[in-house]
mmCIF file of all heavy atoms, coordinates in Angstrom:
data_MODEL
# 
_entry.id   MODEL 
# 
loop_
_atom_site.group_PDB 
_atom_site.id 
_atom_site.type_symbol 
_atom_site.label_atom_id 
_atom_site.label_alt_id 
_atom_site.label_comp_id 
_atom_site.label_asym_id 
_atom_site.label_entity_id 
_atom_site.label_seq_id 
_atom_site.pdbx_PDB_ins_code 
_atom_site.Cartn_x 
_atom_site.Cartn_y 
_atom_site.Cartn_z 
_atom_site.occupancy 
_atom_site.B_iso_or_equiv 
_atom_site.pdbx_formal_charge 
_atom_site.auth_seq_id 
_atom_site.auth_comp_id 
_atom_site.auth_asym_id 
_atom_site.auth_atom_id 
_atom_site.pdbx_PDB_model_num 
ATOM 1   N N   . GLU A 1 1  ? 2.543   -2.734 4.264   1.00 0.00 ? 1  GLU A N   1 
ATOM 2   C CA  . GLU A 1 1  ? 1.887   -3.050 5.537   1.00 0.00 ? 1  GLU A CA  1 
ATOM 3   C C   . GLU A 1 1  ? 1.582   -1.781 6.335   1.00 0.00 ? 1  GLU A C   1 
ATOM 4   O O   . GLU A 1 1  ? 0.519   -1.669 6.955   1.00 0.00 ? 1  GLU A O   1 
ATOM 5   C CB  . GLU A 1 1  ? 2.764   -3.991 6.364   1.00 0.00 ? 1  GLU A CB  1 
ATOM 6   C CG  . GLU A 1 1  ? 2.874   -5.403 5.813   1.00 0.00 ? 1  GLU A CG  1 
ATOM 7   C CD  . GLU A 1 1  ? 3.792   -5.492 4.603   1.00 0.00 ? 1  GLU A CD  1 
ATOM 8   O OE1 . GLU A 1 1  ? 4.548   -4.510 4.374   1.00 0.00 ? 1  GLU A OE1 1 
ATOM 9   O OE2 . GLU A 1 1  ? 3.749   -6.513 3.895   1.00 0.00 ? 1  GLU A OE2 1 
ATOM 10  N N   . LYS A 1 2  ? 2.513   -0.832 6.324   1.00 0.00 ? 2  LYS A N   1 
ATOM 11  C CA  . LYS A 1 2  ? 2.294   0.429  7.043   1.00 0.00 ? 2  LYS A CA  1 
ATOM 12  C C   . LYS A 1 2  ? 1.165   1.218  6.395   1.00 0.00 ? 2  LYS A C   1 
ATOM 13  O O   . LYS A 1 2  ? 0.319   1.797  7.097   1.00 0.00 ? 2  LYS A O   1 
ATOM 14  C CB  . LYS A 1 2  ? 3.596   1.246  7.035   1.00 0.00 ? 2  LYS A CB  1 
ATOM 15  C CG  . LYS A 1 2  ? 3.512   2.547  7.823   1.00 0.00 ? 2  LYS A CG  1 
ATOM 16  C CD  . LYS A 1 2  ? 3.311   2.296  9.305   1.00 0.00 ? 2  LYS A CD  1 
ATOM 17  C CE  . LYS A 1 2  ? 3.346   3.594  10.090  1.00 0.00 ? 2  LYS A CE  1 
ATOM 18  N NZ  . LYS A 1 2  ? 3.170   3.370  11.547  1.00 0.00 ? 2  LYS A NZ  1 
ATOM 19  N N   . LEU A 1 3  ? 1.127   1.255  5.072   1.00 0.00 ? 3  LEU A N   1 
ATOM 20  C CA  . LEU A 1 3  ? 0.058   1.962  4.386   1.00 0.00 ? 3  LEU A CA  1 
ATOM 21  C C   . LEU A 1 3  ? -1.296  1.322  4.656   1.00 0.00 ? 3  LEU A C   1 
ATOM 22  O O   . LEU A 1 3  ? -2.308  2.019  4.852   1.00 0.00 ? 3  LEU A O   1 
ATOM 23  C CB  . LEU A 1 3  ? 0.334   1.993  2.878   1.00 0.00 ? 3  LEU A CB  1 
ATOM 24  C CG  . LEU A 1 3  ? 1.516   2.849  2.421   1.00 0.00 ? 3  LEU A CG  1 
ATOM 25  C CD1 . LEU A 1 3  ? 1.748   2.688  0.926   1.00 0.00 ? 3  LEU A CD1 1 
ATOM 26  C CD2 . LEU A 1 3  ? 1.295   4.320  2.745   1.00 0.00 ? 3  LEU A CD2 1 
ATOM 27  N N   . LYS A 1 4  ? -1.327  0.004  4.665   1.00 0.00 ? 4  LYS A N   1 
ATOM 28  C CA  . LYS A 1 4  ? -2.592  -0.681 4.952   1.00 0.00 ? 4  LYS A CA  1 
ATOM 29  C C   . LYS A 1 4  ? -3.065  -0.405 6.369   1.00 0.00 ? 4  LYS A C   1 
ATOM 30  O O   . LYS A 1 4  ? -4.260  -0.223 6.625   1.00 0.00 ? 4  LYS A O   1 
ATOM 31  C CB  . LYS A 1 4  ? -2.407  -2.182 4.739   1.00 0.00 ? 4  LYS A CB  1 
ATOM 32  C CG  . LYS A 1 4  ? -3.692  -2.968 4.869   1.00 0.00 ? 4  LYS A CG  1 
ATOM 33  C CD  . LYS A 1 4  ? -3.464  -4.436 4.540   1.00 0.00 ? 4  LYS A CD  1 
ATOM 34  C CE  . LYS A 1 4  ? -4.770  -5.218 4.626   1.00 0.00 ? 4  LYS A CE  1 
ATOM 35  N NZ  . LYS A 1 4  ? -4.573  -6.660 4.302   1.00 0.00 ? 4  LYS A NZ  1 
ATOM 36  N N   . GLU A 1 5  ? -2.118  -0.342 7.306   1.00 0.00 ? 5  GLU A N   1 
ATOM 37  C CA  . GLU A 1 5  ? -2.476  -0.055 8.702   1.00 0.00 ? 5  GLU A CA  1 
ATOM 38  C C   . GLU A 1 5  ? -3.081  1.339  8.856   1.00 0.00 ? 5  GLU A C   1 
ATOM 39  O O   . GLU A 1 5  ? -4.036  1.530  9.613   1.00 0.00 ? 5  GLU A O   1 
ATOM 40  C CB  . GLU A 1 5  ? -1.225  -0.188 9.571   1.00 0.00 ? 5  GLU A CB  1 
ATOM 41  C CG  . GLU A 1 5  ? -1.450  0.128  11.036  1.00 0.00 ? 5  GLU A CG  1 
ATOM 42  C CD  . GLU A 1 5  ? -0.151  0.118  11.826  1.00 0.00 ? 5  GLU A CD  1 
ATOM 43  O OE1 . GLU A 1 5  ? 0.884   -0.312 11.282  1.00 0.00 ? 5  GLU A OE1 1 
ATOM 44  O OE2 . GLU A 1 5  ? -0.179  0.567  12.992  1.00 0.00 ? 5  GLU A OE2 1 
ATOM 45  N N   . VAL A 1 6  ? -2.537  2.310  8.129   1.00 0.00 ? 6  VAL A N   1 
ATOM 46  C CA  . VAL A 1 6  ? -3.006  3.695  8.260   1.00 0.00 ? 6  VAL A CA  1 
ATOM 47  C C   . VAL A 1 6  ? -4.306  3.916  7.494   1.00 0.00 ? 6  VAL A C   1 
ATOM 48  O O   . VAL A 1 6  ? -5.278  4.470  8.033   1.00 0.00 ? 6  VAL A O   1 
ATOM 49  C CB  . VAL A 1 6  ? -1.911  4.664  7.761   1.00 0.00 ? 6  VAL A CB  1 
ATOM 50  C CG1 . VAL A 1 6  ? -2.448  6.094  7.739   1.00 0.00 ? 6  VAL A CG1 1 
ATOM 51  C CG2 . VAL A 1 6  ? -0.679  4.573  8.647   1.00 0.00 ? 6  VAL A CG2 1 
ATOM 52  N N   . PHE A 1 7  ? -4.364  3.478  6.239   1.00 0.00 ? 7  PHE A N   1 
ATOM 53  C CA  . PHE A 1 7  ? -5.504  3.822  5.383   1.00 0.00 ? 7  PHE A CA  1 
ATOM 54  C C   . PHE A 1 7  ? -6.693  2.886  5.566   1.00 0.00 ? 7  PHE A C   1 
ATOM 55  O O   . PHE A 1 7  ? -7.780  3.176  5.066   1.00 0.00 ? 7  PHE A O   1 
ATOM 56  C CB  . PHE A 1 7  ? -5.066  3.832  3.920   1.00 0.00 ? 7  PHE A CB  1 
ATOM 57  C CG  . PHE A 1 7  ? -4.285  5.062  3.538   1.00 0.00 ? 7  PHE A CG  1 
ATOM 58  C CD1 . PHE A 1 7  ? -2.911  5.083  3.654   1.00 0.00 ? 7  PHE A CD1 1 
ATOM 59  C CD2 . PHE A 1 7  ? -4.944  6.198  3.097   1.00 0.00 ? 7  PHE A CD2 1 
ATOM 60  C CE1 . PHE A 1 7  ? -2.192  6.222  3.317   1.00 0.00 ? 7  PHE A CE1 1 
ATOM 61  C CE2 . PHE A 1 7  ? -4.240  7.341  2.753   1.00 0.00 ? 7  PHE A CE2 1 
ATOM 62  C CZ  . PHE A 1 7  ? -2.857  7.357  2.872   1.00 0.00 ? 7  PHE A CZ  1 
ATOM 63  N N   . SER A 1 8  ? -6.533  1.793  6.273   1.00 0.00 ? 8  SER A N   1 
ATOM 64  C CA  . SER A 1 8  ? -7.680  0.932  6.547   1.00 0.00 ? 8  SER A CA  1 
ATOM 65  C C   . SER A 1 8  ? -8.615  1.541  7.590   1.00 0.00 ? 8  SER A C   1 
ATOM 66  O O   . SER A 1 8  ? -9.728  1.030  7.790   1.00 0.00 ? 8  SER A O   1 
ATOM 67  C CB  . SER A 1 8  ? -7.197  -0.443 7.022   1.00 0.00 ? 8  SER A CB  1 
ATOM 68  O OG  . SER A 1 8  ? -6.407  -0.313 8.197   1.00 0.00 ? 8  SER A OG  1 
ATOM 69  N N   . ARG A 1 9  ? -8.178  2.625  8.245   1.00 0.00 ? 9  ARG A N   1 
ATOM 70  C CA  . ARG A 1 9  ? -9.056  3.313  9.203   1.00 0.00 ? 9  ARG A CA  1 
ATOM 71  C C   . ARG A 1 9  ? -10.268 3.935  8.510   1.00 0.00 ? 9  ARG A C   1 
ATOM 72  O O   . ARG A 1 9  ? -11.328 4.096  9.121   1.00 0.00 ? 9  ARG A O   1 
ATOM 73  C CB  . ARG A 1 9  ? -8.293  4.414  9.940   1.00 0.00 ? 9  ARG A CB  1 
ATOM 74  C CG  . ARG A 1 9  ? -6.999  3.963  10.607  1.00 0.00 ? 9  ARG A CG  1 
ATOM 75  C CD  . ARG A 1 9  ? -6.230  5.171  11.108  1.00 0.00 ? 9  ARG A CD  1 
ATOM 76  N NE  . ARG A 1 9  ? -4.899  4.820  11.614  1.00 0.00 ? 9  ARG A NE  1 
ATOM 77  C CZ  . ARG A 1 9  ? -3.969  5.724  11.920  1.00 0.00 ? 9  ARG A CZ  1 
ATOM 78  N NH1 . ARG A 1 9  ? -4.240  7.024  11.786  1.00 0.00 ? 9  ARG A NH1 1 
ATOM 79  N NH2 . ARG A 1 9  ? -2.794  5.320  12.362  1.00 0.00 ? 9  ARG A NH2 1 
ATOM 80  N N   . TYR A 1 10 ? -10.119 4.285  7.252   1.00 0.00 ? 10 TYR A N   1 
ATOM 81  C CA  . TYR A 1 10 ? -11.175 5.010  6.554   1.00 0.00 ? 10 TYR A CA  1 
ATOM 82  C C   . TYR A 1 10 ? -12.137 4.090  5.817   1.00 0.00 ? 10 TYR A C   1 
ATOM 83  O O   . TYR A 1 10 ? -13.184 4.540  5.361   1.00 0.00 ? 10 TYR A O   1 
ATOM 84  C CB  . TYR A 1 10 ? -10.548 5.984  5.553   1.00 0.00 ? 10 TYR A CB  1 
ATOM 85  C CG  . TYR A 1 10 ? -9.490  6.874  6.171   1.00 0.00 ? 10 TYR A CG  1 
ATOM 86  C CD1 . TYR A 1 10 ? -8.140  6.664  5.917   1.00 0.00 ? 10 TYR A CD1 1 
ATOM 87  C CD2 . TYR A 1 10 ? -9.853  7.900  7.029   1.00 0.00 ? 10 TYR A CD2 1 
ATOM 88  C CE1 . TYR A 1 10 ? -7.174  7.467  6.491   1.00 0.00 ? 10 TYR A CE1 1 
ATOM 89  C CE2 . TYR A 1 10 ? -8.898  8.716  7.619   1.00 0.00 ? 10 TYR A CE2 1 
ATOM 90  C CZ  . TYR A 1 10 ? -7.558  8.488  7.336   1.00 0.00 ? 10 TYR A CZ  1 
ATOM 91  O OH  . TYR A 1 10 ? -6.602  9.283  7.923   1.00 0.00 ? 10 TYR A OH  1 
ATOM 92  N N   . GLY A 1 11 ? -11.802 2.815  5.681   1.00 0.00 ? 11 GLY A N   1 
ATOM 93  C CA  . GLY A 1 11 ? -12.696 1.873  5.011   1.00 0.00 ? 11 GLY A CA  1 
ATOM 94  C C   . GLY A 1 11 ? -11.936 0.659  4.511   1.00 0.00 ? 11 GLY A C   1 
ATOM 95  O O   . GLY A 1 11 ? -10.719 0.532  4.691   1.00 0.00 ? 11 GLY A O   1 
ATOM 96  N N   . ASP A 1 12 ? -12.682 -0.241 3.892   1.00 0.00 ? 12 ASP A N   1 
ATOM 97  C CA  . ASP A 1 12 ? -12.094 -1.483 3.394   1.00 0.00 ? 12 ASP A CA  1 
ATOM 98  C C   . ASP A 1 12 ? -11.281 -1.221 2.137   1.00 0.00 ? 12 ASP A C   1 
ATOM 99  O O   . ASP A 1 12 ? -11.750 -0.554 1.198   1.00 0.00 ? 12 ASP A O   1 
ATOM 100 C CB  . ASP A 1 12 ? -13.201 -2.501 3.092   1.00 0.00 ? 12 ASP A CB  1 
ATOM 101 C CG  . ASP A 1 12 ? -13.947 -2.909 4.354   1.00 0.00 ? 12 ASP A CG  1 
ATOM 102 O OD1 . ASP A 1 12 ? -13.341 -2.834 5.442   1.00 0.00 ? 12 ASP A OD1 1 
ATOM 103 O OD2 . ASP A 1 12 ? -15.135 -3.276 4.252   1.00 0.00 ? 12 ASP A OD2 1 
ATOM 104 N N   . ILE A 1 13 ? -10.064 -1.759 2.131   1.00 0.00 ? 13 ILE A N   1 
ATOM 105 C CA  . ILE A 1 13 ? -9.143  -1.562 1.008   1.00 0.00 ? 13 ILE A CA  1 
ATOM 106 C C   . ILE A 1 13 ? -9.182  -2.797 0.113   1.00 0.00 ? 13 ILE A C   1 
ATOM 107 O O   . ILE A 1 13 ? -9.127  -3.942 0.595   1.00 0.00 ? 13 ILE A O   1 
ATOM 108 C CB  . ILE A 1 13 ? -7.711  -1.320 1.519   1.00 0.00 ? 13 ILE A CB  1 
ATOM 109 C CG1 . ILE A 1 13 ? -7.659  -0.015 2.322   1.00 0.00 ? 13 ILE A CG1 1 
ATOM 110 C CG2 . ILE A 1 13 ? -6.728  -1.253 0.354   1.00 0.00 ? 13 ILE A CG2 1 
ATOM 111 C CD1 . ILE A 1 13 ? -6.308  0.259  2.963   1.00 0.00 ? 13 ILE A CD1 1 
ATOM 112 N N   . ARG A 1 14 ? -9.255  -2.537 -1.179  1.00 0.00 ? 14 ARG A N   1 
ATOM 113 C CA  . ARG A 1 14 ? -9.244  -3.633 -2.141  1.00 0.00 ? 14 ARG A CA  1 
ATOM 114 C C   . ARG A 1 14 ? -7.838  -3.968 -2.610  1.00 0.00 ? 14 ARG A C   1 
ATOM 115 O O   . ARG A 1 14 ? -7.488  -5.143 -2.771  1.00 0.00 ? 14 ARG A O   1 
ATOM 116 C CB  . ARG A 1 14 ? -10.126 -3.268 -3.343  1.00 0.00 ? 14 ARG A CB  1 
ATOM 117 C CG  . ARG A 1 14 ? -10.201 -4.341 -4.415  1.00 0.00 ? 14 ARG A CG  1 
ATOM 118 C CD  . ARG A 1 14 ? -11.174 -3.927 -5.498  1.00 0.00 ? 14 ARG A CD  1 
ATOM 119 N NE  . ARG A 1 14 ? -12.537 -3.849 -4.950  1.00 0.00 ? 14 ARG A NE  1 
ATOM 120 C CZ  . ARG A 1 14 ? -13.579 -3.343 -5.613  1.00 0.00 ? 14 ARG A CZ  1 
ATOM 121 N NH1 . ARG A 1 14 ? -13.396 -2.842 -6.828  1.00 0.00 ? 14 ARG A NH1 1 
ATOM 122 N NH2 . ARG A 1 14 ? -14.769 -3.306 -5.059  1.00 0.00 ? 14 ARG A NH2 1 
ATOM 123 N N   . LYS A 1 15 ? -7.004  -2.906 -2.817  1.00 0.00 ? 15 LYS A N   1 
ATOM 124 C CA  . LYS A 1 15 ? -5.666  -3.157 -3.345  1.00 0.00 ? 15 LYS A CA  1 
ATOM 125 C C   . LYS A 1 15 ? -4.751  -1.990 -3.012  1.00 0.00 ? 15 LYS A C   1 
ATOM 126 O O   . LYS A 1 15 ? -5.169  -0.832 -3.027  1.00 0.00 ? 15 LYS A O   1 
ATOM 127 C CB  . LYS A 1 15 ? -5.738  -3.357 -4.865  1.00 0.00 ? 15 LYS A CB  1 
ATOM 128 C CG  . LYS A 1 15 ? -4.406  -3.720 -5.511  1.00 0.00 ? 15 LYS A CG  1 
ATOM 129 C CD  . LYS A 1 15 ? -4.586  -3.903 -7.013  1.00 0.00 ? 15 LYS A CD  1 
ATOM 130 C CE  . LYS A 1 15 ? -3.262  -4.241 -7.676  1.00 0.00 ? 15 LYS A CE  1 
ATOM 131 N NZ  . LYS A 1 15 ? -3.404  -4.404 -9.146  1.00 0.00 ? 15 LYS A NZ  1 
ATOM 132 N N   . ILE A 1 16 ? -3.490  -2.293 -2.719  1.00 0.00 ? 16 ILE A N   1 
ATOM 133 C CA  . ILE A 1 16 ? -2.451  -1.276 -2.498  1.00 0.00 ? 16 ILE A CA  1 
ATOM 134 C C   . ILE A 1 16 ? -1.298  -1.571 -3.451  1.00 0.00 ? 16 ILE A C   1 
ATOM 135 O O   . ILE A 1 16 ? -0.783  -2.696 -3.492  1.00 0.00 ? 16 ILE A O   1 
ATOM 136 C CB  . ILE A 1 16 ? -1.945  -1.287 -1.040  1.00 0.00 ? 16 ILE A CB  1 
ATOM 137 C CG1 . ILE A 1 16 ? -3.056  -0.879 -0.085  1.00 0.00 ? 16 ILE A CG1 1 
ATOM 138 C CG2 . ILE A 1 16 ? -0.754  -0.339 -0.891  1.00 0.00 ? 16 ILE A CG2 1 
ATOM 139 C CD1 . ILE A 1 16 ? -2.655  -0.877 1.370   1.00 0.00 ? 16 ILE A CD1 1 
ATOM 140 N N   . ARG A 1 17 ? -0.903  -0.547 -4.205  1.00 0.00 ? 17 ARG A N   1 
ATOM 141 C CA  . ARG A 1 17 ? 0.221   -0.707 -5.141  1.00 0.00 ? 17 ARG A CA  1 
ATOM 142 C C   . ARG A 1 17 ? 1.273   0.348  -4.834  1.00 0.00 ? 17 ARG A C   1 
ATOM 143 O O   . ARG A 1 17 ? 1.109   1.516  -5.153  1.00 0.00 ? 17 ARG A O   1 
ATOM 144 C CB  . ARG A 1 17 ? -0.264  -0.565 -6.585  1.00 0.00 ? 17 ARG A CB  1 
ATOM 145 C CG  . ARG A 1 17 ? 0.853   -0.737 -7.615  1.00 0.00 ? 17 ARG A CG  1 
ATOM 146 C CD  . ARG A 1 17 ? 0.274   -0.914 -9.013  1.00 0.00 ? 17 ARG A CD  1 
ATOM 147 N NE  . ARG A 1 17 ? -0.469  0.261  -9.443  1.00 0.00 ? 17 ARG A NE  1 
ATOM 148 C CZ  . ARG A 1 17 ? 0.070   1.245  -10.180 1.00 0.00 ? 17 ARG A CZ  1 
ATOM 149 N NH1 . ARG A 1 17 ? 1.346   1.193  -10.539 1.00 0.00 ? 17 ARG A NH1 1 
ATOM 150 N NH2 . ARG A 1 17 ? -0.671  2.270  -10.537 1.00 0.00 ? 17 ARG A NH2 1 
ATOM 151 N N   . LEU A 1 18 ? 2.340   -0.075 -4.175  1.00 0.00 ? 18 LEU A N   1 
ATOM 152 C CA  . LEU A 1 18 ? 3.471   0.802  -3.877  1.00 0.00 ? 18 LEU A CA  1 
ATOM 153 C C   . LEU A 1 18 ? 4.451   0.732  -5.049  1.00 0.00 ? 18 LEU A C   1 
ATOM 154 O O   . LEU A 1 18 ? 4.974   -0.337 -5.367  1.00 0.00 ? 18 LEU A O   1 
ATOM 155 C CB  . LEU A 1 18 ? 4.167   0.372  -2.585  1.00 0.00 ? 18 LEU A CB  1 
ATOM 156 C CG  . LEU A 1 18 ? 5.381   1.195  -2.143  1.00 0.00 ? 18 LEU A CG  1 
ATOM 157 C CD1 . LEU A 1 18 ? 4.976   2.635  -1.842  1.00 0.00 ? 18 LEU A CD1 1 
ATOM 158 C CD2 . LEU A 1 18 ? 6.040   0.554  -0.930  1.00 0.00 ? 18 LEU A CD2 1 
ATOM 159 N N   . VAL A 1 19 ? 4.672   1.855  -5.709  1.00 0.00 ? 19 VAL A N   1 
ATOM 160 C CA  . VAL A 1 19 ? 5.495   1.885  -6.917  1.00 0.00 ? 19 VAL A CA  1 
ATOM 161 C C   . VAL A 1 19 ? 6.952   1.746  -6.522  1.00 0.00 ? 19 VAL A C   1 
ATOM 162 O O   . VAL A 1 19 ? 7.460   2.497  -5.683  1.00 0.00 ? 19 VAL A O   1 
ATOM 163 C CB  . VAL A 1 19 ? 5.258   3.189  -7.703  1.00 0.00 ? 19 VAL A CB  1 
ATOM 164 C CG1 . VAL A 1 19 ? 6.119   3.216  -8.964  1.00 0.00 ? 19 VAL A CG1 1 
ATOM 165 C CG2 . VAL A 1 19 ? 3.790   3.329  -8.061  1.00 0.00 ? 19 VAL A CG2 1 
ATOM 166 N N   . ARG A 1 20 ? 7.632   0.772  -7.153  1.00 0.00 ? 20 ARG A N   1 
ATOM 167 C CA  . ARG A 1 20 ? 9.032   0.492  -6.851  1.00 0.00 ? 20 ARG A CA  1 
ATOM 168 C C   . ARG A 1 20 ? 9.870   0.547  -8.123  1.00 0.00 ? 20 ARG A C   1 
ATOM 169 O O   . ARG A 1 20 ? 9.352   0.405  -9.237  1.00 0.00 ? 20 ARG A O   1 
ATOM 170 C CB  . ARG A 1 20 ? 9.179   -0.900 -6.198  1.00 0.00 ? 20 ARG A CB  1 
ATOM 171 C CG  . ARG A 1 20 ? 8.489   -1.018 -4.850  1.00 0.00 ? 20 ARG A CG  1 
ATOM 172 C CD  . ARG A 1 20 ? 8.643   -2.406 -4.282  1.00 0.00 ? 20 ARG A CD  1 
ATOM 173 N NE  . ARG A 1 20 ? 8.037   -2.537 -2.957  1.00 0.00 ? 20 ARG A NE  1 
ATOM 174 C CZ  . ARG A 1 20 ? 8.651   -2.238 -1.825  1.00 0.00 ? 20 ARG A CZ  1 
ATOM 175 N NH1 . ARG A 1 20 ? 9.907   -1.811 -1.840  1.00 0.00 ? 20 ARG A NH1 1 
ATOM 176 N NH2 . ARG A 1 20 ? 8.027   -2.369 -0.659  1.00 0.00 ? 20 ARG A NH2 1 
ATOM 177 N N   . ASP A 1 21 ? 11.154  0.754  -7.942  1.00 0.00 ? 21 ASP A N   1 
ATOM 178 C CA  . ASP A 1 21 ? 12.082  0.760  -9.071  1.00 0.00 ? 21 ASP A CA  1 
ATOM 179 C C   . ASP A 1 21 ? 12.232  -0.658 -9.621  1.00 0.00 ? 21 ASP A C   1 
ATOM 180 O O   . ASP A 1 21 ? 12.359  -1.623 -8.855  1.00 0.00 ? 21 ASP A O   1 
ATOM 181 C CB  . ASP A 1 21 ? 13.440  1.305  -8.625  1.00 0.00 ? 21 ASP A CB  1 
ATOM 182 C CG  . ASP A 1 21 ? 14.370  1.532  -9.793  1.00 0.00 ? 21 ASP A CG  1 
ATOM 183 O OD1 . ASP A 1 21 ? 14.371  2.636  -10.347 1.00 0.00 ? 21 ASP A OD1 1 
ATOM 184 O OD2 . ASP A 1 21 ? 15.117  0.580  -10.143 1.00 0.00 ? 21 ASP A OD2 1 
ATOM 185 N N   . LEU A 1 22 ? 12.213  -0.787 -10.955 1.00 0.00 ? 22 LEU A N   1 
ATOM 186 C CA  . LEU A 1 22 ? 12.268  -2.111 -11.573 1.00 0.00 ? 22 LEU A CA  1 
ATOM 187 C C   . LEU A 1 22 ? 13.612  -2.791 -11.368 1.00 0.00 ? 22 LEU A C   1 
ATOM 188 O O   . LEU A 1 22 ? 13.694  -4.022 -11.307 1.00 0.00 ? 22 LEU A O   1 
ATOM 189 C CB  . LEU A 1 22 ? 11.975  -1.998 -13.075 1.00 0.00 ? 22 LEU A CB  1 
ATOM 190 C CG  . LEU A 1 22 ? 10.559  -1.551 -13.446 1.00 0.00 ? 22 LEU A CG  1 
ATOM 191 C CD1 . LEU A 1 22 ? 10.444  -1.373 -14.946 1.00 0.00 ? 22 LEU A CD1 1 
ATOM 192 C CD2 . LEU A 1 22 ? 9.521   -2.545 -12.937 1.00 0.00 ? 22 LEU A CD2 1 
ATOM 193 N N   . VAL A 1 23 ? 14.683  -2.003 -11.249 1.00 0.00 ? 23 VAL A N   1 
ATOM 194 C CA  . VAL A 1 23 ? 16.024  -2.571 -11.123 1.00 0.00 ? 23 VAL A CA  1 
ATOM 195 C C   . VAL A 1 23 ? 16.381  -2.839 -9.662  1.00 0.00 ? 23 VAL A C   1 
ATOM 196 O O   . VAL A 1 23 ? 16.749  -3.962 -9.285  1.00 0.00 ? 23 VAL A O   1 
ATOM 197 C CB  . VAL A 1 23 ? 17.068  -1.633 -11.775 1.00 0.00 ? 23 VAL A CB  1 
ATOM 198 C CG1 . VAL A 1 23 ? 18.471  -2.209 -11.610 1.00 0.00 ? 23 VAL A CG1 1 
ATOM 199 C CG2 . VAL A 1 23 ? 16.733  -1.413 -13.238 1.00 0.00 ? 23 VAL A CG2 1 
ATOM 200 N N   . THR A 1 24 ? 16.274  -1.826 -8.821  1.00 0.00 ? 24 THR A N   1 
ATOM 201 C CA  . THR A 1 24 ? 16.701  -1.952 -7.416  1.00 0.00 ? 24 THR A CA  1 
ATOM 202 C C   . THR A 1 24 ? 15.610  -2.512 -6.507  1.00 0.00 ? 24 THR A C   1 
ATOM 203 O O   . THR A 1 24 ? 15.910  -3.100 -5.473  1.00 0.00 ? 24 THR A O   1 
ATOM 204 C CB  . THR A 1 24 ? 17.145  -0.582 -6.878  1.00 0.00 ? 24 THR A CB  1 
ATOM 205 O OG1 . THR A 1 24 ? 16.032  0.328  -6.923  1.00 0.00 ? 24 THR A OG1 1 
ATOM 206 C CG2 . THR A 1 24 ? 18.274  -0.020 -7.726  1.00 0.00 ? 24 THR A CG2 1 
ATOM 207 N N   . GLY A 1 25 ? 14.345  -2.287 -6.882  1.00 0.00 ? 25 GLY A N   1 
ATOM 208 C CA  . GLY A 1 25 ? 13.252  -2.736 -6.025  1.00 0.00 ? 25 GLY A CA  1 
ATOM 209 C C   . GLY A 1 25 ? 12.928  -1.796 -4.894  1.00 0.00 ? 25 GLY A C   1 
ATOM 210 O O   . GLY A 1 25 ? 12.035  -2.071 -4.075  1.00 0.00 ? 25 GLY A O   1 
# 
C-alpha cells in the first residue's frame, strides 16, 4: 500500500510485487 501510494504519482500502476520470504512471509 505504501509503495502504491508513492509510485502512483508517476503514472498508472498495473501490478506491484513485493518479494517476501516463503517461510516467514
